[in-house]
Amino acid sequence: QETGRDLATNADLTRFSPQQLPDVAAALQANGFRYVRQSFAWAEIEPAPGAFVWDRYDAIVDELNRRGIVPVAVLHRSPAWARTAATVDAFDAAPTDPDAYARFVGAVVARYGDRLPIVQIWDLPNRPDRWANGAPDAAAYVGMLAVASIAARAAIPIVSVVLAELDPSASP
């Protein structure tokens, strides 16, 4: 890498079977990738309040770590139970209770510890299609970011919490 920086990529490793993950991770490693930004879908991990399904994400985190690749978890995609009745069909609607999201973030960080050193809070919150097709709400996002950051650091104080990626072309 001419800049001297480690290579990073976005990936959706949930598209691969557990049997395929070693080969995919090996290909990422062989091509010099050191960071993989991976969606961690809240709706899949916590389909009902307090009921967690970790298998798919355990396999991803384990395989990337085996290859010396740092996973960057994008924590988004709210479950239907965490949305309003009006936004129940919008997979990226902000949760009605930011504390429920914070509990999810804390659970993810606690589960993976230093194997998941970077978490991103939500994704593209300045786009209507990533904010329940409504007007993006910066104040609501900042509130969600605050409680989620506190929960993440309460679980593992050294975790790096990063702001959501913003779409530079999104209308204000």
N, C-alpha and C. Protein backbone atom coordinates (compact mmCIF):
# COMPACT_ATOMS: atom_id res chain seq x y z
N GLN A 1 0.85 -1.17 0.00
CA GLN A 1 0.00 0.00 0.00
C GLN A 1 0.90 1.22 0.00
N GLU A 2 0.78 2.05 -1.02
CA GLU A 2 1.68 3.19 -1.16
C GLU A 2 1.57 4.20 -0.03
N THR A 3 0.41 4.31 0.59
CA THR A 3 0.24 5.28 1.67
C THR A 3 0.85 4.80 2.97
N GLY A 4 1.18 3.53 3.05
CA GLY A 4 1.68 2.96 4.29
C GLY A 4 0.58 2.57 5.25
N ARG A 5 -0.64 2.77 4.85
CA ARG A 5 -1.78 2.41 5.70
C ARG A 5 -2.24 0.99 5.38
N ASP A 6 -2.79 0.33 6.39
CA ASP A 6 -3.32 -1.02 6.18
C ASP A 6 -4.56 -0.96 5.30
N LEU A 7 -4.73 -1.99 4.50
CA LEU A 7 -5.90 -2.07 3.62
C LEU A 7 -7.14 -2.47 4.41
N ALA A 8 -8.26 -1.88 4.01
CA ALA A 8 -9.56 -2.17 4.64
C ALA A 8 -10.59 -2.37 3.54
N THR A 9 -11.62 -3.10 3.86
CA THR A 9 -12.71 -3.31 2.91
C THR A 9 -14.03 -3.47 3.64
N ASN A 10 -15.11 -3.23 2.92
CA ASN A 10 -16.44 -3.56 3.39
C ASN A 10 -16.73 -4.97 2.91
N ALA A 11 -17.41 -5.74 3.73
CA ALA A 11 -17.76 -7.10 3.34
C ALA A 11 -19.09 -7.48 3.97
N ASP A 12 -19.73 -8.45 3.37
CA ASP A 12 -20.90 -9.06 3.99
C ASP A 12 -20.62 -10.55 4.06
N LEU A 13 -19.92 -10.94 5.09
CA LEU A 13 -19.51 -12.33 5.24
C LEU A 13 -20.67 -13.23 5.65
N THR A 14 -21.82 -12.65 5.96
CA THR A 14 -23.00 -13.48 6.27
C THR A 14 -23.53 -14.15 5.00
N ARG A 15 -23.08 -13.72 3.86
CA ARG A 15 -23.51 -14.34 2.59
C ARG A 15 -22.84 -15.68 2.35
N PHE A 16 -21.84 -16.00 3.15
CA PHE A 16 -21.09 -17.23 2.96
C PHE A 16 -21.45 -18.23 4.04
N SER A 17 -21.41 -19.48 3.69
CA SER A 17 -21.68 -20.53 4.68
C SER A 17 -20.49 -20.62 5.64
N PRO A 18 -20.70 -21.19 6.82
CA PRO A 18 -19.57 -21.37 7.75
C PRO A 18 -18.42 -22.16 7.12
N GLN A 19 -18.74 -23.08 6.22
CA GLN A 19 -17.70 -23.87 5.56
C GLN A 19 -16.88 -23.03 4.58
N GLN A 20 -17.47 -21.96 4.05
CA GLN A 20 -16.77 -21.10 3.10
C GLN A 20 -15.92 -20.02 3.78
N LEU A 21 -16.25 -19.69 5.01
CA LEU A 21 -15.57 -18.58 5.69
C LEU A 21 -14.05 -18.72 5.74
N PRO A 22 -13.49 -19.89 6.02
CA PRO A 22 -12.02 -19.97 6.04
C PRO A 22 -11.39 -19.57 4.70
N ASP A 23 -11.98 -20.00 3.60
CA ASP A 23 -11.42 -19.65 2.29
C ASP A 23 -11.57 -18.17 1.98
N VAL A 24 -12.72 -17.60 2.35
CA VAL A 24 -12.95 -16.17 2.11
C VAL A 24 -11.97 -15.34 2.95
N ALA A 25 -11.83 -15.70 4.22
CA ALA A 25 -10.90 -14.97 5.09
C ALA A 25 -9.46 -15.13 4.60
N ALA A 26 -9.12 -16.31 4.11
CA ALA A 26 -7.77 -16.53 3.57
C ALA A 26 -7.54 -15.65 2.35
N ALA A 27 -8.55 -15.50 1.51
CA ALA A 27 -8.42 -14.63 0.32
C ALA A 27 -8.26 -13.17 0.74
N LEU A 28 -9.01 -12.74 1.74
CA LEU A 28 -8.86 -11.37 2.24
C LEU A 28 -7.44 -11.15 2.77
N GLN A 29 -6.96 -12.11 3.55
CA GLN A 29 -5.61 -12.02 4.11
C GLN A 29 -4.56 -12.02 3.00
N ALA A 30 -4.70 -12.91 2.04
CA ALA A 30 -3.72 -13.02 0.95
C ALA A 30 -3.65 -11.75 0.12
N ASN A 31 -4.75 -11.01 0.07
CA ASN A 31 -4.79 -9.78 -0.70
C ASN A 31 -4.44 -8.55 0.14
N GLY A 32 -3.99 -8.77 1.37
CA GLY A 32 -3.45 -7.69 2.18
C GLY A 32 -4.45 -6.93 3.03
N PHE A 33 -5.68 -7.40 3.11
CA PHE A 33 -6.66 -6.69 3.93
C PHE A 33 -6.40 -6.94 5.40
N ARG A 34 -6.41 -5.87 6.18
CA ARG A 34 -6.16 -5.98 7.62
C ARG A 34 -7.37 -5.57 8.44
N TYR A 35 -8.34 -4.92 7.80
CA TYR A 35 -9.59 -4.52 8.46
C TYR A 35 -10.75 -4.90 7.55
N VAL A 36 -11.79 -5.46 8.14
CA VAL A 36 -13.02 -5.76 7.40
C VAL A 36 -14.19 -5.14 8.14
N ARG A 37 -14.86 -4.22 7.47
CA ARG A 37 -16.05 -3.57 8.02
C ARG A 37 -17.24 -4.46 7.69
N GLN A 38 -17.84 -5.02 8.74
CA GLN A 38 -18.88 -6.03 8.60
C GLN A 38 -20.14 -5.59 9.32
N SER A 39 -21.27 -5.70 8.64
CA SER A 39 -22.57 -5.44 9.26
C SER A 39 -22.86 -6.48 10.34
N PHE A 40 -23.30 -6.02 11.49
CA PHE A 40 -23.81 -6.87 12.56
C PHE A 40 -25.27 -6.48 12.72
N ALA A 41 -26.15 -7.26 12.14
CA ALA A 41 -27.58 -6.93 12.10
C ALA A 41 -28.23 -7.22 13.45
N TRP A 42 -28.63 -6.16 14.12
CA TRP A 42 -29.29 -6.31 15.41
C TRP A 42 -30.49 -7.23 15.30
N ALA A 43 -31.26 -7.11 14.22
CA ALA A 43 -32.46 -7.92 14.03
C ALA A 43 -32.15 -9.41 13.99
N GLU A 44 -30.99 -9.78 13.46
CA GLU A 44 -30.60 -11.19 13.41
C GLU A 44 -30.04 -11.65 14.75
N ILE A 45 -29.28 -10.79 15.39
CA ILE A 45 -28.60 -11.19 16.62
C ILE A 45 -29.55 -11.23 17.81
N GLU A 46 -30.50 -10.29 17.87
CA GLU A 46 -31.46 -10.24 18.99
C GLU A 46 -32.88 -10.20 18.42
N PRO A 47 -33.37 -11.32 17.89
CA PRO A 47 -34.69 -11.32 17.25
C PRO A 47 -35.85 -11.07 18.23
N ALA A 48 -35.62 -11.33 19.49
CA ALA A 48 -36.59 -11.04 20.54
C ALA A 48 -35.80 -10.41 21.70
N PRO A 49 -36.44 -9.53 22.47
CA PRO A 49 -35.70 -8.86 23.54
C PRO A 49 -34.97 -9.85 24.47
N GLY A 50 -33.66 -9.68 24.55
CA GLY A 50 -32.86 -10.52 25.44
C GLY A 50 -32.54 -11.90 24.92
N ALA A 51 -33.03 -12.27 23.74
CA ALA A 51 -32.76 -13.58 23.14
C ALA A 51 -31.74 -13.41 22.02
N PHE A 52 -30.51 -13.86 22.26
CA PHE A 52 -29.43 -13.61 21.32
C PHE A 52 -29.08 -14.87 20.53
N VAL A 53 -28.78 -14.67 19.26
CA VAL A 53 -28.35 -15.73 18.35
C VAL A 53 -27.00 -15.29 17.79
N TRP A 54 -25.95 -15.89 18.30
CA TRP A 54 -24.59 -15.43 18.00
C TRP A 54 -23.86 -16.25 16.94
N ASP A 55 -24.31 -17.44 16.61
CA ASP A 55 -23.53 -18.40 15.83
C ASP A 55 -22.89 -17.82 14.58
N ARG A 56 -23.67 -17.17 13.75
CA ARG A 56 -23.17 -16.64 12.48
C ARG A 56 -22.04 -15.63 12.71
N TYR A 57 -22.24 -14.76 13.69
CA TYR A 57 -21.26 -13.70 13.94
C TYR A 57 -20.05 -14.23 14.71
N ASP A 58 -20.25 -15.23 15.56
CA ASP A 58 -19.11 -15.88 16.23
C ASP A 58 -18.16 -16.43 15.18
N ALA A 59 -18.70 -17.10 14.18
CA ALA A 59 -17.87 -17.70 13.14
C ALA A 59 -17.09 -16.64 12.37
N ILE A 60 -17.73 -15.51 12.08
CA ILE A 60 -17.07 -14.43 11.34
C ILE A 60 -15.94 -13.83 12.17
N VAL A 61 -16.24 -13.49 13.41
CA VAL A 61 -15.22 -12.88 14.28
C VAL A 61 -14.06 -13.85 14.49
N ASP A 62 -14.36 -15.11 14.74
CA ASP A 62 -13.31 -16.10 14.96
C ASP A 62 -12.41 -16.26 13.74
N GLU A 63 -13.02 -16.36 12.57
CA GLU A 63 -12.23 -16.59 11.35
C GLU A 63 -11.38 -15.39 10.99
N LEU A 64 -11.94 -14.19 11.11
CA LEU A 64 -11.14 -12.99 10.82
C LEU A 64 -9.97 -12.88 11.79
N ASN A 65 -10.23 -13.13 13.07
CA ASN A 65 -9.16 -13.06 14.06
C ASN A 65 -8.08 -14.10 13.80
N ARG A 66 -8.47 -15.29 13.38
CA ARG A 66 -7.49 -16.34 13.05
C ARG A 66 -6.54 -15.88 11.95
N ARG A 67 -7.04 -15.02 11.08
CA ARG A 67 -6.25 -14.56 9.94
C ARG A 67 -5.55 -13.22 10.20
N GLY A 68 -5.66 -12.71 11.42
CA GLY A 68 -5.02 -11.44 11.74
C GLY A 68 -5.74 -10.24 11.14
N ILE A 69 -7.01 -10.41 10.85
CA ILE A 69 -7.83 -9.34 10.27
C ILE A 69 -8.72 -8.78 11.37
N VAL A 70 -8.74 -7.46 11.49
CA VAL A 70 -9.53 -6.79 12.52
C VAL A 70 -10.95 -6.56 11.99
N PRO A 71 -11.95 -7.15 12.65
CA PRO A 71 -13.32 -6.84 12.23
C PRO A 71 -13.76 -5.50 12.81
N VAL A 72 -14.45 -4.73 11.98
CA VAL A 72 -15.07 -3.47 12.40
C VAL A 72 -16.58 -3.72 12.31
N ALA A 73 -17.23 -3.80 13.45
CA ALA A 73 -18.65 -4.16 13.48
C ALA A 73 -19.53 -2.93 13.30
N VAL A 74 -20.37 -2.96 12.28
CA VAL A 74 -21.37 -1.91 12.05
C VAL A 74 -22.65 -2.40 12.72
N LEU A 75 -23.02 -1.76 13.82
CA LEU A 75 -24.14 -2.22 14.64
C LEU A 75 -25.40 -1.44 14.24
N HIS A 76 -26.24 -2.08 13.44
CA HIS A 76 -27.44 -1.41 12.91
C HIS A 76 -28.51 -2.45 12.60
N ARG A 77 -29.52 -2.05 11.85
CA ARG A 77 -30.64 -2.89 11.40
C ARG A 77 -31.48 -3.38 12.58
N SER A 78 -32.29 -2.50 13.06
CA SER A 78 -33.10 -2.77 14.24
C SER A 78 -34.11 -3.89 14.02
N PRO A 79 -34.37 -4.66 15.07
CA PRO A 79 -35.43 -5.68 14.98
C PRO A 79 -36.80 -5.02 15.02
N ALA A 80 -37.79 -5.69 14.47
CA ALA A 80 -39.16 -5.14 14.42
C ALA A 80 -39.66 -4.78 15.82
N TRP A 81 -39.29 -5.57 16.83
CA TRP A 81 -39.78 -5.31 18.19
C TRP A 81 -39.25 -3.99 18.75
N ALA A 82 -38.18 -3.44 18.16
CA ALA A 82 -37.58 -2.21 18.66
C ALA A 82 -38.02 -0.97 17.89
N ARG A 83 -38.90 -1.16 16.92
CA ARG A 83 -39.36 -0.04 16.07
C ARG A 83 -40.77 0.37 16.44
N THR A 84 -41.16 1.54 15.96
CA THR A 84 -42.55 1.98 16.16
C THR A 84 -43.45 1.21 15.21
N ALA A 85 -44.75 1.25 15.48
CA ALA A 85 -45.71 0.59 14.59
C ALA A 85 -45.62 1.16 13.18
N ALA A 86 -45.38 2.44 13.07
CA ALA A 86 -45.30 3.09 11.75
C ALA A 86 -44.04 2.71 10.99
N THR A 87 -43.00 2.27 11.69
CA THR A 87 -41.74 1.95 11.03
C THR A 87 -41.38 0.47 11.11
N VAL A 88 -42.32 -0.36 11.46
CA VAL A 88 -42.03 -1.77 11.67
C VAL A 88 -41.47 -2.44 10.41
N ASP A 89 -41.78 -1.94 9.23
CA ASP A 89 -41.28 -2.53 7.98
C ASP A 89 -39.96 -1.93 7.51
N ALA A 90 -39.45 -0.95 8.20
CA ALA A 90 -38.20 -0.28 7.80
C ALA A 90 -37.04 -0.91 8.56
N PHE A 91 -36.22 -1.70 7.86
CA PHE A 91 -35.17 -2.48 8.54
C PHE A 91 -34.13 -1.63 9.25
N ASP A 92 -33.97 -0.37 8.84
CA ASP A 92 -32.98 0.48 9.50
C ASP A 92 -33.63 1.64 10.24
N ALA A 93 -34.83 1.43 10.74
CA ALA A 93 -35.46 2.45 11.56
C ALA A 93 -34.73 2.56 12.88
N ALA A 94 -34.62 3.76 13.35
CA ALA A 94 -34.03 3.95 14.68
C ALA A 94 -34.93 3.29 15.72
N PRO A 95 -34.35 2.77 16.77
CA PRO A 95 -35.18 2.14 17.79
C PRO A 95 -36.01 3.17 18.55
N THR A 96 -37.16 2.74 19.03
CA THR A 96 -38.00 3.64 19.83
C THR A 96 -37.34 3.93 21.17
N ASP A 97 -36.54 3.00 21.65
CA ASP A 97 -35.86 3.15 22.93
C ASP A 97 -34.35 3.04 22.71
N PRO A 98 -33.64 4.17 22.71
CA PRO A 98 -32.19 4.10 22.52
C PRO A 98 -31.49 3.21 23.56
N ASP A 99 -32.09 3.07 24.73
CA ASP A 99 -31.48 2.20 25.75
C ASP A 99 -31.50 0.73 25.33
N ALA A 100 -32.53 0.33 24.58
CA ALA A 100 -32.56 -1.05 24.07
C ALA A 100 -31.40 -1.28 23.11
N TYR A 101 -31.14 -0.30 22.26
CA TYR A 101 -30.00 -0.39 21.35
C TYR A 101 -28.69 -0.41 22.15
N ALA A 102 -28.60 0.42 23.16
CA ALA A 102 -27.40 0.46 23.99
C ALA A 102 -27.15 -0.89 24.66
N ARG A 103 -28.20 -1.55 25.11
CA ARG A 103 -28.04 -2.88 25.72
C ARG A 103 -27.49 -3.87 24.68
N PHE A 104 -28.00 -3.78 23.45
CA PHE A 104 -27.49 -4.63 22.37
C PHE A 104 -26.00 -4.35 22.12
N VAL A 105 -25.64 -3.08 22.00
CA VAL A 105 -24.24 -2.71 21.76
C VAL A 105 -23.37 -3.26 22.89
N GLY A 106 -23.79 -3.07 24.12
CA GLY A 106 -23.03 -3.58 25.26
C GLY A 106 -22.88 -5.09 25.21
N ALA A 107 -23.94 -5.79 24.80
CA ALA A 107 -23.88 -7.25 24.71
C ALA A 107 -22.88 -7.70 23.65
N VAL A 108 -22.89 -7.03 22.50
CA VAL A 108 -21.95 -7.38 21.43
C VAL A 108 -20.51 -7.16 21.90
N VAL A 109 -20.25 -6.00 22.46
CA VAL A 109 -18.88 -5.67 22.89
C VAL A 109 -18.43 -6.63 24.00
N ALA A 110 -19.31 -6.92 24.94
CA ALA A 110 -18.95 -7.84 26.03
C ALA A 110 -18.67 -9.25 25.49
N ARG A 111 -19.46 -9.68 24.53
CA ARG A 111 -19.27 -11.03 23.99
C ARG A 111 -17.92 -11.20 23.31
N TYR A 112 -17.55 -10.22 22.51
CA TYR A 112 -16.35 -10.39 21.68
C TYR A 112 -15.08 -9.79 22.28
N GLY A 113 -15.23 -8.90 23.23
CA GLY A 113 -14.05 -8.35 23.91
C GLY A 113 -13.02 -7.80 22.95
N ASP A 114 -11.77 -8.14 23.19
CA ASP A 114 -10.69 -7.59 22.36
C ASP A 114 -10.63 -8.22 20.97
N ARG A 115 -11.46 -9.22 20.71
CA ARG A 115 -11.52 -9.79 19.36
C ARG A 115 -12.32 -8.90 18.41
N LEU A 116 -13.02 -7.91 18.97
CA LEU A 116 -13.81 -6.96 18.18
C LEU A 116 -13.50 -5.57 18.73
N PRO A 117 -12.33 -5.02 18.35
CA PRO A 117 -11.87 -3.80 19.00
C PRO A 117 -12.50 -2.51 18.49
N ILE A 118 -13.27 -2.59 17.39
CA ILE A 118 -13.86 -1.39 16.81
C ILE A 118 -15.34 -1.64 16.50
N VAL A 119 -16.19 -0.75 17.00
CA VAL A 119 -17.61 -0.83 16.67
C VAL A 119 -18.07 0.51 16.11
N GLN A 120 -18.90 0.44 15.11
CA GLN A 120 -19.48 1.63 14.49
C GLN A 120 -20.94 1.69 14.89
N ILE A 121 -21.39 2.84 15.35
CA ILE A 121 -22.76 3.02 15.81
C ILE A 121 -23.64 3.48 14.66
N TRP A 122 -24.41 2.53 14.15
CA TRP A 122 -25.39 2.71 13.05
C TRP A 122 -24.67 2.89 11.72
N ASP A 123 -25.42 3.11 10.67
CA ASP A 123 -24.85 3.27 9.34
C ASP A 123 -25.68 4.25 8.53
N LEU A 124 -25.03 5.24 7.97
CA LEU A 124 -25.66 6.23 7.08
C LEU A 124 -26.93 6.86 7.67
N PRO A 125 -26.87 7.35 8.90
CA PRO A 125 -28.09 7.90 9.52
C PRO A 125 -28.57 9.21 8.90
N ASN A 126 -27.80 9.76 7.97
CA ASN A 126 -28.25 10.99 7.31
C ASN A 126 -29.00 10.71 6.01
N ARG A 127 -29.27 9.45 5.72
CA ARG A 127 -30.07 9.09 4.55
C ARG A 127 -31.46 8.65 4.99
N PRO A 128 -32.49 9.17 4.35
CA PRO A 128 -33.85 8.78 4.72
C PRO A 128 -34.08 7.27 4.69
N ASP A 129 -33.52 6.57 3.68
CA ASP A 129 -33.74 5.12 3.61
C ASP A 129 -33.04 4.36 4.73
N ARG A 130 -32.16 5.02 5.46
CA ARG A 130 -31.50 4.40 6.61
C ARG A 130 -32.01 4.98 7.92
N TRP A 131 -33.10 5.74 7.81
CA TRP A 131 -33.72 6.34 9.00
C TRP A 131 -35.23 6.22 8.85
N ALA A 132 -35.68 5.02 8.49
CA ALA A 132 -37.10 4.66 8.38
C ALA A 132 -37.84 5.48 7.32
N ASN A 133 -37.11 5.88 6.28
CA ASN A 133 -37.70 6.67 5.19
C ASN A 133 -38.29 7.99 5.66
N GLY A 134 -37.86 8.45 6.79
CA GLY A 134 -38.27 9.75 7.31
C GLY A 134 -37.11 10.71 7.24
N ALA A 135 -37.34 11.89 7.73
CA ALA A 135 -36.27 12.88 7.76
C ALA A 135 -35.21 12.43 8.76
N PRO A 136 -33.95 12.37 8.34
CA PRO A 136 -32.89 12.03 9.29
C PRO A 136 -32.89 13.01 10.47
N ASP A 137 -32.62 12.50 11.64
CA ASP A 137 -32.70 13.29 12.86
C ASP A 137 -31.34 13.25 13.56
N ALA A 138 -30.56 14.31 13.34
CA ALA A 138 -29.20 14.35 13.91
C ALA A 138 -29.22 14.27 15.43
N ALA A 139 -30.16 14.96 16.06
CA ALA A 139 -30.22 14.95 17.52
C ALA A 139 -30.54 13.55 18.04
N ALA A 140 -31.44 12.84 17.36
CA ALA A 140 -31.77 11.48 17.78
C ALA A 140 -30.56 10.57 17.60
N TYR A 141 -29.83 10.75 16.49
CA TYR A 141 -28.64 9.94 16.28
C TYR A 141 -27.60 10.21 17.35
N VAL A 142 -27.35 11.47 17.66
CA VAL A 142 -26.36 11.81 18.69
C VAL A 142 -26.77 11.21 20.04
N GLY A 143 -28.05 11.23 20.35
CA GLY A 143 -28.52 10.61 21.59
C GLY A 143 -28.26 9.11 21.60
N MET A 144 -28.53 8.47 20.46
CA MET A 144 -28.29 7.04 20.34
C MET A 144 -26.79 6.74 20.41
N LEU A 145 -25.99 7.56 19.77
CA LEU A 145 -24.53 7.42 19.81
C LEU A 145 -24.02 7.53 21.24
N ALA A 146 -24.55 8.48 21.98
CA ALA A 146 -24.09 8.70 23.36
C ALA A 146 -24.35 7.49 24.25
N VAL A 147 -25.59 7.00 24.25
CA VAL A 147 -25.91 5.87 25.14
C VAL A 147 -25.22 4.59 24.67
N ALA A 148 -25.07 4.43 23.36
CA ALA A 148 -24.40 3.24 22.84
C ALA A 148 -22.91 3.27 23.18
N SER A 149 -22.29 4.44 23.08
CA SER A 149 -20.87 4.57 23.42
C SER A 149 -20.63 4.26 24.89
N ILE A 150 -21.49 4.77 25.73
CA ILE A 150 -21.36 4.51 27.17
C ILE A 150 -21.49 3.01 27.44
N ALA A 151 -22.47 2.36 26.80
CA ALA A 151 -22.66 0.92 27.00
C ALA A 151 -21.47 0.12 26.49
N ALA A 152 -20.93 0.51 25.35
CA ALA A 152 -19.78 -0.20 24.79
C ALA A 152 -18.58 -0.09 25.73
N ARG A 153 -18.32 1.10 26.22
CA ARG A 153 -17.15 1.30 27.07
C ARG A 153 -17.37 0.73 28.48
N ALA A 154 -18.62 0.61 28.89
CA ALA A 154 -18.89 -0.06 30.16
C ALA A 154 -18.56 -1.54 30.05
N ALA A 155 -18.78 -2.11 28.87
CA ALA A 155 -18.49 -3.53 28.66
C ALA A 155 -16.99 -3.77 28.52
N ILE A 156 -16.33 -2.99 27.69
CA ILE A 156 -14.88 -3.11 27.45
C ILE A 156 -14.34 -1.69 27.30
N PRO A 157 -13.69 -1.17 28.32
CA PRO A 157 -13.26 0.24 28.29
C PRO A 157 -12.36 0.64 27.12
N ILE A 158 -11.62 -0.30 26.55
CA ILE A 158 -10.69 0.07 25.49
C ILE A 158 -11.27 -0.05 24.08
N VAL A 159 -12.54 -0.42 23.96
CA VAL A 159 -13.14 -0.54 22.63
C VAL A 159 -13.13 0.82 21.94
N SER A 160 -12.88 0.82 20.65
CA SER A 160 -12.96 2.05 19.86
C SER A 160 -14.37 2.15 19.30
N VAL A 161 -15.03 3.24 19.60
CA VAL A 161 -16.39 3.49 19.12
C VAL A 161 -16.29 4.57 18.05
N VAL A 162 -16.78 4.26 16.85
CA VAL A 162 -16.69 5.23 15.77
C VAL A 162 -18.08 5.68 15.33
N LEU A 163 -18.09 6.91 14.88
CA LEU A 163 -19.29 7.53 14.35
C LEU A 163 -19.72 6.79 13.09
N ALA A 164 -21.01 6.77 12.83
CA ALA A 164 -21.52 6.15 11.62
C ALA A 164 -20.98 6.83 10.39
N GLU A 165 -20.80 6.06 9.37
CA GLU A 165 -20.45 6.61 8.06
C GLU A 165 -21.62 7.50 7.62
N LEU A 166 -21.29 8.66 7.08
CA LEU A 166 -22.32 9.57 6.58
C LEU A 166 -22.23 9.62 5.06
N ASP A 167 -23.36 9.74 4.41
CA ASP A 167 -23.43 9.85 2.96
C ASP A 167 -23.22 11.31 2.57
N PRO A 168 -22.11 11.62 1.91
CA PRO A 168 -21.86 13.03 1.56
C PRO A 168 -22.83 13.58 0.52
N SER A 169 -23.52 12.70 -0.18
CA SER A 169 -24.45 13.18 -1.21
C SER A 169 -25.89 13.27 -0.70
N ALA A 170 -26.13 12.90 0.56
CA ALA A 170 -27.49 12.93 1.10
C ALA A 170 -27.97 14.38 1.22
N SER A 171 -29.23 14.57 0.90
CA SER A 171 -29.83 15.90 1.00
C SER A 171 -30.03 16.25 2.47
N PRO A 172 -29.87 17.54 2.80
CA PRO A 172 -30.08 17.94 4.21
C PRO A 172 -31.53 17.84 4.62
